Amino acid sequence: MKGKDWQTFMFDPAGRCVERFLRLAERRFPDPAVSGAAYNYAFEKISNDDWRLLDGFTGRAQPGTYLMAVFSRLLEDYSRARFGRPRPPVWLKRMGELWR
C-alpha cells in the first residue's frame, strides 16, 4: 500500500503516535539519556528517504500497529548496535545446543 501519507499519520494529534513511541522507548530503555537517543535513532530511520522504510505496509494491519512494529524493531537495532547482542555465559555454552 504505497503512497500512504505517513508523516501526516504520525503527527496527527488524535493518533498520538509520538507519545506512544516515546513511552515505548522509555519502557525499553529506563535510562532517560539512552531512551532519548534510541527514540531519535528510530525516528530518524523511519523518516529517512521520504518514509521509504514503511513501503512494506500492505494494509493487512492497522497503520498504527504496523508503525509500532517497525519502531520496535528499530529500537532493538539501536540496542544491538550500542550494547551488542546478549551472549550466554561460557558454562551454559558448554552444555551444548540445549540453551538455545
N, C-alpha and C. Protein backbone atom coordinates (compact mmCIF):
# COMPACT_ATOMS: atom_id res chain seq x y z
N MET A 1 0.85 -1.18 0.00
CA MET A 1 0.00 0.00 0.00
C MET A 1 0.89 1.23 0.00
N LYS A 2 1.53 1.46 -1.09
CA LYS A 2 2.43 2.59 -1.21
C LYS A 2 1.62 3.88 -1.36
N GLY A 3 2.23 4.97 -0.98
CA GLY A 3 1.57 6.25 -1.15
C GLY A 3 0.85 6.74 0.10
N LYS A 4 0.88 5.99 1.18
CA LYS A 4 0.25 6.44 2.42
C LYS A 4 1.03 7.64 2.93
N ASP A 5 0.31 8.63 3.40
CA ASP A 5 0.95 9.83 3.95
C ASP A 5 1.34 9.57 5.40
N TRP A 6 2.49 8.93 5.58
CA TRP A 6 2.93 8.54 6.91
C TRP A 6 3.23 9.73 7.80
N GLN A 7 3.74 10.79 7.21
CA GLN A 7 4.09 11.96 8.02
C GLN A 7 2.84 12.55 8.66
N THR A 8 1.77 12.69 7.90
CA THR A 8 0.53 13.21 8.45
C THR A 8 -0.04 12.26 9.50
N PHE A 9 0.02 10.97 9.21
CA PHE A 9 -0.48 9.97 10.16
C PHE A 9 0.30 10.03 11.46
N MET A 10 1.61 10.15 11.35
CA MET A 10 2.48 10.14 12.52
C MET A 10 2.24 11.33 13.44
N PHE A 11 2.03 12.49 12.86
CA PHE A 11 1.91 13.70 13.66
C PHE A 11 0.47 14.13 13.92
N ASP A 12 -0.48 13.28 13.59
CA ASP A 12 -1.88 13.56 13.88
C ASP A 12 -2.08 13.55 15.40
N PRO A 13 -2.56 14.65 15.98
CA PRO A 13 -2.73 14.70 17.43
C PRO A 13 -3.70 13.64 17.96
N ALA A 14 -4.68 13.27 17.17
CA ALA A 14 -5.65 12.28 17.61
C ALA A 14 -5.02 10.89 17.74
N GLY A 15 -4.05 10.59 16.89
CA GLY A 15 -3.41 9.28 16.91
C GLY A 15 -2.38 9.12 18.01
N ARG A 16 -1.79 10.20 18.42
CA ARG A 16 -0.79 10.24 19.50
C ARG A 16 0.36 9.25 19.29
N CYS A 17 0.80 9.11 18.05
CA CYS A 17 1.90 8.19 17.73
C CYS A 17 3.19 8.59 18.43
N VAL A 18 3.49 9.85 18.42
CA VAL A 18 4.75 10.31 19.01
C VAL A 18 4.80 9.98 20.49
N GLU A 19 3.69 10.18 21.19
CA GLU A 19 3.63 9.84 22.62
C GLU A 19 3.84 8.35 22.84
N ARG A 20 3.21 7.54 22.00
CA ARG A 20 3.35 6.09 22.13
C ARG A 20 4.79 5.66 21.88
N PHE A 21 5.43 6.27 20.90
CA PHE A 21 6.82 5.92 20.61
C PHE A 21 7.74 6.30 21.75
N LEU A 22 7.49 7.46 22.34
CA LEU A 22 8.30 7.88 23.49
C LEU A 22 8.14 6.90 24.66
N ARG A 23 6.91 6.50 24.94
CA ARG A 23 6.67 5.54 26.02
C ARG A 23 7.32 4.20 25.72
N LEU A 24 7.26 3.78 24.47
CA LEU A 24 7.88 2.51 24.08
C LEU A 24 9.40 2.56 24.29
N ALA A 25 10.01 3.67 23.91
CA ALA A 25 11.46 3.82 24.10
C ALA A 25 11.81 3.89 25.58
N GLU A 26 10.99 4.57 26.37
CA GLU A 26 11.24 4.67 27.81
C GLU A 26 11.07 3.32 28.50
N ARG A 27 10.13 2.52 28.04
CA ARG A 27 9.93 1.20 28.62
C ARG A 27 11.09 0.26 28.26
N ARG A 28 11.59 0.39 27.04
CA ARG A 28 12.69 -0.48 26.59
C ARG A 28 14.01 -0.09 27.23
N PHE A 29 14.22 1.22 27.41
CA PHE A 29 15.47 1.74 27.98
C PHE A 29 15.13 2.65 29.15
N PRO A 30 15.24 2.18 30.39
CA PRO A 30 14.86 3.00 31.55
C PRO A 30 15.71 4.28 31.72
N ASP A 31 16.95 4.26 31.27
CA ASP A 31 17.80 5.44 31.37
C ASP A 31 17.30 6.51 30.39
N PRO A 32 16.95 7.71 30.89
CA PRO A 32 16.39 8.74 30.00
C PRO A 32 17.31 9.14 28.84
N ALA A 33 18.61 9.16 29.08
CA ALA A 33 19.53 9.54 28.01
C ALA A 33 19.54 8.49 26.90
N VAL A 34 19.53 7.23 27.28
CA VAL A 34 19.55 6.15 26.31
C VAL A 34 18.20 6.07 25.58
N SER A 35 17.11 6.24 26.31
CA SER A 35 15.80 6.16 25.65
C SER A 35 15.62 7.31 24.67
N GLY A 36 16.12 8.48 25.00
CA GLY A 36 16.04 9.61 24.07
C GLY A 36 16.87 9.37 22.81
N ALA A 37 18.06 8.84 23.00
CA ALA A 37 18.91 8.55 21.85
C ALA A 37 18.30 7.45 20.98
N ALA A 38 17.72 6.43 21.62
CA ALA A 38 17.08 5.35 20.87
C ALA A 38 15.87 5.86 20.11
N TYR A 39 15.08 6.71 20.73
CA TYR A 39 13.91 7.30 20.07
C TYR A 39 14.35 8.10 18.84
N ASN A 40 15.37 8.93 19.01
CA ASN A 40 15.87 9.73 17.89
C ASN A 40 16.39 8.85 16.76
N TYR A 41 17.11 7.80 17.11
CA TYR A 41 17.64 6.88 16.11
C TYR A 41 16.50 6.25 15.31
N ALA A 42 15.52 5.70 16.01
CA ALA A 42 14.41 5.02 15.33
C ALA A 42 13.58 5.99 14.50
N PHE A 43 13.31 7.16 15.04
CA PHE A 43 12.51 8.13 14.31
C PHE A 43 13.23 8.60 13.06
N GLU A 44 14.54 8.80 13.18
CA GLU A 44 15.33 9.22 12.02
C GLU A 44 15.33 8.15 10.94
N LYS A 45 15.46 6.88 11.35
CA LYS A 45 15.47 5.78 10.38
C LYS A 45 14.12 5.66 9.67
N ILE A 46 13.03 5.84 10.42
CA ILE A 46 11.70 5.73 9.81
C ILE A 46 11.47 6.85 8.81
N SER A 47 11.88 8.05 9.14
CA SER A 47 11.57 9.20 8.29
C SER A 47 12.55 9.42 7.15
N ASN A 48 13.65 8.66 7.11
CA ASN A 48 14.61 8.80 6.01
C ASN A 48 14.00 8.43 4.67
N ASP A 49 14.51 9.03 3.62
CA ASP A 49 14.11 8.72 2.24
C ASP A 49 12.60 8.76 2.04
N ASP A 50 11.99 9.81 2.53
CA ASP A 50 10.55 10.02 2.34
C ASP A 50 9.74 8.84 2.88
N TRP A 51 10.11 8.36 4.09
CA TRP A 51 9.39 7.31 4.80
C TRP A 51 9.42 5.98 4.04
N ARG A 52 10.46 5.75 3.27
CA ARG A 52 10.57 4.57 2.43
C ARG A 52 10.57 3.26 3.22
N LEU A 53 11.05 3.30 4.43
CA LEU A 53 11.10 2.10 5.26
C LEU A 53 9.70 1.52 5.48
N LEU A 54 8.68 2.35 5.37
CA LEU A 54 7.31 1.92 5.61
C LEU A 54 6.59 1.47 4.34
N ASP A 55 7.31 1.36 3.24
CA ASP A 55 6.69 0.96 1.98
C ASP A 55 6.18 -0.49 2.00
N GLY A 56 6.61 -1.26 2.97
CA GLY A 56 6.16 -2.65 3.06
C GLY A 56 4.75 -2.80 3.61
N PHE A 57 4.12 -1.71 3.96
CA PHE A 57 2.76 -1.75 4.51
C PHE A 57 1.78 -2.26 3.46
N THR A 58 1.08 -3.34 3.79
CA THR A 58 0.15 -3.95 2.83
C THR A 58 -1.31 -3.65 3.14
N GLY A 59 -1.58 -3.14 4.32
CA GLY A 59 -2.96 -2.86 4.70
C GLY A 59 -3.61 -4.00 5.45
N ARG A 60 -2.87 -5.06 5.72
CA ARG A 60 -3.44 -6.19 6.46
C ARG A 60 -3.56 -5.89 7.95
N ALA A 61 -2.85 -4.89 8.42
CA ALA A 61 -2.93 -4.46 9.83
C ALA A 61 -3.30 -2.98 9.85
N GLN A 62 -3.63 -2.50 11.02
CA GLN A 62 -3.88 -1.07 11.17
C GLN A 62 -2.56 -0.33 10.96
N PRO A 63 -2.58 0.86 10.38
CA PRO A 63 -1.33 1.60 10.17
C PRO A 63 -0.56 1.84 11.47
N GLY A 64 -1.27 2.14 12.55
CA GLY A 64 -0.60 2.37 13.83
C GLY A 64 0.10 1.13 14.35
N THR A 65 -0.51 -0.01 14.16
CA THR A 65 0.08 -1.28 14.58
C THR A 65 1.35 -1.56 13.78
N TYR A 66 1.26 -1.34 12.49
CA TYR A 66 2.43 -1.56 11.63
C TYR A 66 3.56 -0.61 12.01
N LEU A 67 3.22 0.62 12.25
CA LEU A 67 4.22 1.62 12.63
C LEU A 67 4.89 1.27 13.95
N MET A 68 4.12 0.78 14.92
CA MET A 68 4.68 0.38 16.20
C MET A 68 5.62 -0.82 16.04
N ALA A 69 5.26 -1.76 15.18
CA ALA A 69 6.12 -2.93 14.96
C ALA A 69 7.45 -2.51 14.35
N VAL A 70 7.40 -1.63 13.37
CA VAL A 70 8.63 -1.15 12.73
C VAL A 70 9.47 -0.37 13.74
N PHE A 71 8.82 0.48 14.52
CA PHE A 71 9.54 1.28 15.51
C PHE A 71 10.19 0.38 16.56
N SER A 72 9.48 -0.65 16.99
CA SER A 72 10.04 -1.58 17.98
C SER A 72 11.27 -2.29 17.44
N ARG A 73 11.21 -2.71 16.18
CA ARG A 73 12.38 -3.37 15.58
C ARG A 73 13.57 -2.42 15.49
N LEU A 74 13.29 -1.15 15.21
CA LEU A 74 14.38 -0.18 15.14
C LEU A 74 14.98 0.09 16.51
N LEU A 75 14.17 0.07 17.56
CA LEU A 75 14.70 0.20 18.92
C LEU A 75 15.63 -0.97 19.24
N GLU A 76 15.25 -2.15 18.80
CA GLU A 76 16.10 -3.32 19.02
C GLU A 76 17.39 -3.21 18.21
N ASP A 77 17.31 -2.69 17.00
CA ASP A 77 18.52 -2.46 16.20
C ASP A 77 19.46 -1.50 16.92
N TYR A 78 18.89 -0.45 17.50
CA TYR A 78 19.70 0.51 18.25
C TYR A 78 20.38 -0.18 19.43
N SER A 79 19.62 -0.99 20.14
CA SER A 79 20.16 -1.69 21.30
C SER A 79 21.32 -2.60 20.91
N ARG A 80 21.16 -3.32 19.82
CA ARG A 80 22.23 -4.22 19.39
C ARG A 80 23.44 -3.46 18.90
N ALA A 81 23.21 -2.32 18.26
CA ALA A 81 24.34 -1.52 17.78
C ALA A 81 25.10 -0.90 18.95
N ARG A 82 24.39 -0.49 19.97
CA ARG A 82 25.03 0.19 21.10
C ARG A 82 25.60 -0.77 22.13
N PHE A 83 24.83 -1.82 22.47
CA PHE A 83 25.23 -2.71 23.56
C PHE A 83 25.66 -4.10 23.09
N GLY A 84 25.45 -4.40 21.84
CA GLY A 84 25.78 -5.73 21.34
C GLY A 84 24.66 -6.71 21.59
N ARG A 85 24.84 -7.89 21.09
CA ARG A 85 23.84 -8.94 21.25
C ARG A 85 24.12 -9.68 22.55
N PRO A 86 23.08 -9.96 23.34
CA PRO A 86 23.33 -10.69 24.59
C PRO A 86 23.88 -12.09 24.30
N ARG A 87 24.88 -12.46 25.04
CA ARG A 87 25.51 -13.78 24.87
C ARG A 87 25.37 -14.57 26.17
N PRO A 88 25.19 -15.87 26.05
CA PRO A 88 25.10 -16.70 27.25
C PRO A 88 26.47 -16.88 27.89
N PRO A 89 26.50 -17.17 29.17
CA PRO A 89 27.79 -17.42 29.83
C PRO A 89 28.45 -18.68 29.25
N VAL A 90 29.75 -18.76 29.42
CA VAL A 90 30.54 -19.87 28.86
C VAL A 90 30.06 -21.21 29.39
N TRP A 91 29.75 -21.29 30.68
CA TRP A 91 29.32 -22.57 31.25
C TRP A 91 28.04 -23.08 30.60
N LEU A 92 27.18 -22.16 30.18
CA LEU A 92 25.95 -22.56 29.53
C LEU A 92 26.21 -23.04 28.10
N LYS A 93 27.15 -22.41 27.42
CA LYS A 93 27.51 -22.83 26.07
C LYS A 93 28.09 -24.24 26.07
N ARG A 94 28.84 -24.56 27.13
CA ARG A 94 29.45 -25.90 27.21
C ARG A 94 28.42 -27.01 27.29
N MET A 95 27.21 -26.68 27.68
CA MET A 95 26.16 -27.69 27.81
C MET A 95 25.62 -28.12 26.45
N GLY A 96 26.00 -27.42 25.42
CA GLY A 96 25.56 -27.81 24.08
C GLY A 96 24.47 -26.90 23.55
N GLU A 97 23.74 -27.39 22.58
CA GLU A 97 22.72 -26.59 21.90
C GLU A 97 21.44 -26.44 22.73
N LEU A 98 21.33 -27.09 23.83
CA LEU A 98 20.13 -27.05 24.64
C LEU A 98 19.76 -25.63 25.09
N TRP A 99 20.75 -24.81 25.31
CA TRP A 99 20.49 -23.45 25.82
C TRP A 99 19.78 -22.58 24.82
N ARG A 100 19.84 -22.89 23.54
CA ARG A 100 19.18 -22.08 22.53
C ARG A 100 17.71 -22.37 22.56
